[in-house]
Structures are given as structure tokens and as C-alpha cells.
Amino acid sequence: MARIKFLRRDIKLKKFKRKKNQKWNAPKGRHNKMKDKQKGKPRVVSIGYGNSKDKRGKVDGKELFMIKNVSDLGKIGTGQVGFIGKVGGKKKLEIVKEAEKQGIKLKNSKINKNLKIPEVKKEEKVKGDKK
């Protein structure tokens, strides 16, 4: 079953225009069409939309394991997937390098272009040389 995105009811405010800010808030009000579950209106959170207990909190059938430093990579079990926690760029780069060496797959290992390993620069020009 495809995952359903439950949207907030009032999206008129500017801060709620972006999808990531549209956190669920139950519809309230006397004449609210969503609360009455009218046809053609967004779905309302209710029993029956949840995942089964064995799938809940898992990715591809495996548990997520939060990684906050390089030493946490050794603690990952066979039925777990690595997930980099809220860390800085330098530490994230170290974690990704070490995971590649050990052959561990990380779920959110995308590195920004700014964080890529700096390559060795070619010979710099001498100030007096103008050729």
C-alpha cells in the first residue's frame, strides 16, 4: 500500500505553503468539510491507515540504527540499516568513508558538493613568472 501524505487543513498561511511545513493538525470547526469526510476533500487521519506492527519503524524490512560517530559503525547488526544522525560535515564525511571501507550501506549518505574530498591542487604559479 502506498504511503499517504496527510495534509494540514488550512494552508492559506504562507508558512504552510511548503509541503514539509504541512504537519498534521486535526480539522476542527462546525462546517468543516474535511472533518465531515466529504468526497473530494483531503483524507483525515483515522484507524486503518497505519502499518502493521512488524513493518512499523523499519526501512526495507530492516531496523534503522542511528550513527553519530565512526565507532557506531561497528555496532550495526545484520538486520539493521545505518542512518547518519545530526552531525557536522567533517564527521559525516569520515563516517561515509569508513562505511565504504567496511561495506556498510547507509540510508542517507548523500554528501553535498561542498563536502567532497578536496583534490590535490596542481603546481601553483610563481608570483614573478608571467608566462
C-alpha atoms as a PDB file:
ATOM      1  CA  MET A   1       0.000   0.000   0.000  1.00  0.00           C
ATOM      2  CA  ALA A   2       1.356   3.421  -0.964  1.00  0.00           C
ATOM      3  CA  ARG A   3       2.170   5.855   1.794  1.00  0.00           C
ATOM      4  CA  ILE A   4      -0.461   8.575   2.211  1.00  0.00           C
ATOM      5  CA  LYS A   5       0.579  12.145   2.984  1.00  0.00           C
ATOM      6  CA  PHE A   6      -1.978  13.646   5.341  1.00  0.00           C
ATOM      7  CA  LEU A   7      -2.119  17.396   4.781  1.00  0.00           C
ATOM      8  CA  ARG A   8      -2.997  20.179   7.163  1.00  0.00           C
ATOM      9  CA  ARG A   9      -6.444  21.643   6.740  1.00  0.00           C
ATOM     10  CA  ASP A  10      -5.709  25.392   6.445  1.00  0.00           C
ATOM     11  CA  ILE A  11      -2.886  26.020   4.002  1.00  0.00           C
ATOM     12  CA  LYS A  12      -3.655  29.705   3.433  1.00  0.00           C
ATOM     13  CA  LEU A  13      -0.818  30.942   5.647  1.00  0.00           C
ATOM     14  CA  LYS A  14       2.490  31.494   3.868  1.00  0.00           C
ATOM     15  CA  LYS A  15       4.481  29.296   6.250  1.00  0.00           C
ATOM     16  CA  PHE A  16       2.281  26.293   5.391  1.00  0.00           C
ATOM     17  CA  LYS A  17       2.658  26.590   1.598  1.00  0.00           C
ATOM     18  CA  ARG A  18       5.702  24.284   1.626  1.00  0.00           C
ATOM     19  CA  LYS A  19       4.953  20.568   1.945  1.00  0.00           C
ATOM     20  CA  LYS A  20       7.484  19.986   4.727  1.00  0.00           C
ATOM     21  CA  ASN A  21       5.707  22.524   6.963  1.00  0.00           C
ATOM     22  CA  GLN A  22       2.303  20.932   6.481  1.00  0.00           C
ATOM     23  CA  LYS A  23       2.331  18.878   9.679  1.00  0.00           C
ATOM     24  CA  TRP A  24      -0.916  17.153  10.547  1.00  0.00           C
ATOM     25  CA  ASN A  25      -3.419  19.103  12.585  1.00  0.00           C
ATOM     26  CA  ALA A  26      -6.896  17.673  13.132  1.00  0.00           C
ATOM     27  CA  PRO A  27      -9.690  19.587  11.374  1.00  0.00           C
ATOM     28  CA  LYS A  28     -11.945  21.438  13.766  1.00  0.00           C
ATOM     29  CA  GLY A  29     -14.937  23.650  13.163  1.00  0.00           C
ATOM     30  CA  ARG A  30     -18.647  23.364  12.735  1.00  0.00           C
ATOM     31  CA  HIS A  31     -18.882  23.326   8.932  1.00  0.00           C
ATOM     32  CA  ASN A  32     -15.533  21.774   8.087  1.00  0.00           C
ATOM     33  CA  LYS A  33     -15.761  19.562   5.016  1.00  0.00           C
ATOM     34  CA  MET A  34     -12.667  17.536   5.905  1.00  0.00           C
ATOM     35  CA  LYS A  35     -13.998  16.775   9.382  1.00  0.00           C
ATOM     36  CA  ASP A  36     -17.210  15.505   7.815  1.00  0.00           C
ATOM     37  CA  LYS A  37     -15.106  13.376   5.421  1.00  0.00           C
ATOM     38  CA  GLN A  38     -16.807  14.743   2.325  1.00  0.00           C
ATOM     39  CA  LYS A  39     -15.968  13.234  -1.036  1.00  0.00           C
ATOM     40  CA  GLY A  40     -13.223  15.098  -2.903  1.00  0.00           C
ATOM     41  CA  LYS A  41     -11.634  16.573   0.237  1.00  0.00           C
ATOM     42  CA  PRO A  42      -8.220  15.515   1.667  1.00  0.00           C
ATOM     43  CA  ARG A  43      -8.145  12.391   3.804  1.00  0.00           C
ATOM     44  CA  VAL A  44      -8.321  12.592   7.582  1.00  0.00           C
ATOM     45  CA  VAL A  45      -6.136  10.504   9.893  1.00  0.00           C
ATOM     46  CA  SER A  46      -8.131   7.563  11.212  1.00  0.00           C
ATOM     47  CA  ILE A  47      -7.775   3.925  12.198  1.00  0.00           C
ATOM     48  CA  GLY A  48      -6.858   1.630   9.320  1.00  0.00           C
ATOM     49  CA  TYR A  49      -4.176   3.742   7.616  1.00  0.00           C
ATOM     50  CA  GLY A  50      -1.305   2.589   9.863  1.00  0.00           C
ATOM     51  CA  ASN A  51       1.338  -0.020   9.024  1.00  0.00           C
ATOM     52  CA  SER A  52       1.304  -3.437  10.617  1.00  0.00           C
ATOM     53  CA  LYS A  53       3.407  -3.805  13.785  1.00  0.00           C
ATOM     54  CA  ASP A  54       6.118  -5.886  12.122  1.00  0.00           C
ATOM     55  CA  LYS A  55       6.717  -3.182   9.439  1.00  0.00           C
ATOM     56  CA  ARG A  56       6.430  -0.142  11.710  1.00  0.00           C
ATOM     57  CA  GLY A  57       9.631   1.903  12.100  1.00  0.00           C
ATOM     58  CA  LYS A  58      11.591  -0.157   9.550  1.00  0.00           C
ATOM     59  CA  VAL A  59      13.092   0.543   6.126  1.00  0.00           C
ATOM     60  CA  ASP A  60      13.135  -2.290   3.575  1.00  0.00           C
ATOM     61  CA  GLY A  61      12.254  -4.703   6.405  1.00  0.00           C
ATOM     62  CA  LYS A  62      15.311  -3.716   8.482  1.00  0.00           C
ATOM     63  CA  GLU A  63      15.608  -1.602  11.623  1.00  0.00           C
ATOM     64  CA  LEU A  64      17.246   1.825  11.465  1.00  0.00           C
ATOM     65  CA  PHE A  65      20.388   2.310  13.547  1.00  0.00           C
ATOM     66  CA  MET A  66      21.407   5.901  14.321  1.00  0.00           C
ATOM     67  CA  ILE A  67      25.090   6.627  13.685  1.00  0.00           C
ATOM     68  CA  LYS A  68      26.616   9.655  15.389  1.00  0.00           C
ATOM     69  CA  ASN A  69      30.325   8.802  15.144  1.00  0.00           C
ATOM     70  CA  VAL A  70      32.704   6.389  13.394  1.00  0.00           C
ATOM     71  CA  SER A  71      32.764   3.927  16.304  1.00  0.00           C
ATOM     72  CA  ASP A  72      28.985   3.376  15.949  1.00  0.00           C
ATOM     73  CA  LEU A  73      29.577   1.647  12.580  1.00  0.00           C
ATOM     74  CA  GLY A  74      30.942  -1.409  14.395  1.00  0.00           C
ATOM     75  CA  LYS A  75      27.720  -1.763  16.406  1.00  0.00           C
ATOM     76  CA  ILE A  76      25.441  -2.275  13.379  1.00  0.00           C
ATOM     77  CA  GLY A  77      23.860  -5.724  13.340  1.00  0.00           C
ATOM     78  CA  THR A  78      22.900  -7.860  10.355  1.00  0.00           C
ATOM     79  CA  GLY A  79      19.222  -6.874  10.402  1.00  0.00           C
ATOM     80  CA  GLN A  80      19.910  -3.134  10.651  1.00  0.00           C
ATOM     81  CA  VAL A  81      20.474  -0.246   8.255  1.00  0.00           C
ATOM     82  CA  GLY A  82      22.785   2.668   9.077  1.00  0.00           C
ATOM     83  CA  PHE A  83      21.289   6.137   9.317  1.00  0.00           C
ATOM     84  CA  ILE A  84      23.571   9.141   9.887  1.00  0.00           C
ATOM     85  CA  GLY A  85      22.342  11.320  12.738  1.00  0.00           C
ATOM     86  CA  LYS A  86      22.536  15.082  13.050  1.00  0.00           C
ATOM     87  CA  VAL A  87      26.286  15.616  12.717  1.00  0.00           C
ATOM     88  CA  GLY A  88      28.530  18.173  11.046  1.00  0.00           C
ATOM     89  CA  GLY A  89      30.006  17.930   7.577  1.00  0.00           C
ATOM     90  CA  LYS A  90      33.505  16.835   8.605  1.00  0.00           C
ATOM     91  CA  LYS A  91      32.256  13.992  10.801  1.00  0.00           C
ATOM     92  CA  LYS A  92      29.686  12.943   8.181  1.00  0.00           C
ATOM     93  CA  LEU A  93      32.462  12.678   5.600  1.00  0.00           C
ATOM     94  CA  GLU A  94      34.517  10.475   7.951  1.00  0.00           C
ATOM     95  CA  ILE A  95      31.520   8.215   8.632  1.00  0.00           C
ATOM     96  CA  VAL A  96      30.785   7.785   4.901  1.00  0.00           C
ATOM     97  CA  LYS A  97      34.443   6.948   4.109  1.00  0.00           C
ATOM     98  CA  GLU A  98      34.611   4.355   6.899  1.00  0.00           C
ATOM     99  CA  ALA A  99      31.266   2.826   5.869  1.00  0.00           C
ATOM    100  CA  GLU A 100      32.532   2.376   2.307  1.00  0.00           C
ATOM    101  CA  LYS A 101      35.642   0.603   3.609  1.00  0.00           C
ATOM    102  CA  GLN A 102      33.581  -1.758   5.765  1.00  0.00           C
ATOM    103  CA  GLY A 103      30.928  -2.290   3.067  1.00  0.00           C
ATOM    104  CA  ILE A 104      28.060  -0.927   5.172  1.00  0.00           C
ATOM    105  CA  LYS A 105      25.146   0.689   3.352  1.00  0.00           C
ATOM    106  CA  LEU A 106      23.857   3.956   4.785  1.00  0.00           C
ATOM    107  CA  LYS A 107      20.352   5.199   4.126  1.00  0.00           C
ATOM    108  CA  ASN A 108      21.125   8.948   3.984  1.00  0.00           C
ATOM    109  CA  SER A 109      24.751   9.072   2.909  1.00  0.00           C
ATOM    110  CA  LYS A 110      24.422  11.762   0.226  1.00  0.00           C
ATOM    111  CA  ILE A 111      27.274  14.230   0.571  1.00  0.00           C
ATOM    112  CA  ASN A 112      26.865  17.807  -0.662  1.00  0.00           C
ATOM    113  CA  LYS A 113      29.166  19.006  -3.432  1.00  0.00           C
ATOM    114  CA  ASN A 114      30.817  21.341  -0.920  1.00  0.00           C
ATOM    115  CA  LEU A 115      31.779  18.442   1.363  1.00  0.00           C
ATOM    116  CA  LYS A 116      33.537  16.300  -1.263  1.00  0.00           C
ATOM    117  CA  ILE A 117      37.158  15.421  -0.645  1.00  0.00           C
ATOM    118  CA  PRO A 118      39.391  18.254  -1.897  1.00  0.00           C
ATOM    119  CA  GLU A 119      41.666  17.086  -4.694  1.00  0.00           C
ATOM    120  CA  VAL A 120      45.394  17.781  -4.729  1.00  0.00           C
ATOM    121  CA  LYS A 121      45.969  21.153  -6.407  1.00  0.00           C
ATOM    122  CA  LYS A 122      48.272  21.426  -9.399  1.00  0.00           C
ATOM    123  CA  GLU A 123      51.517  23.374  -9.182  1.00  0.00           C
ATOM    124  CA  GLU A 124      50.826  26.970  -8.218  1.00  0.00           C
ATOM    125  CA  LYS A 125      52.252  29.749 -10.372  1.00  0.00           C
ATOM    126  CA  VAL A 126      55.242  31.656  -9.059  1.00  0.00           C
ATOM    127  CA  LYS A 127      54.447  35.354  -8.467  1.00  0.00           C
ATOM    128  CA  GLY A 128      57.404  36.635 -10.530  1.00  0.00           C
ATOM    129  CA  ASP A 129      56.631  34.365 -13.514  1.00  0.00           C
ATOM    130  CA  LYS A 130      54.241  35.997 -16.031  1.00  0.00           C
ATOM    131  CA  LYS A 131      54.107  33.358 -18.764  1.00  0.00           C
END
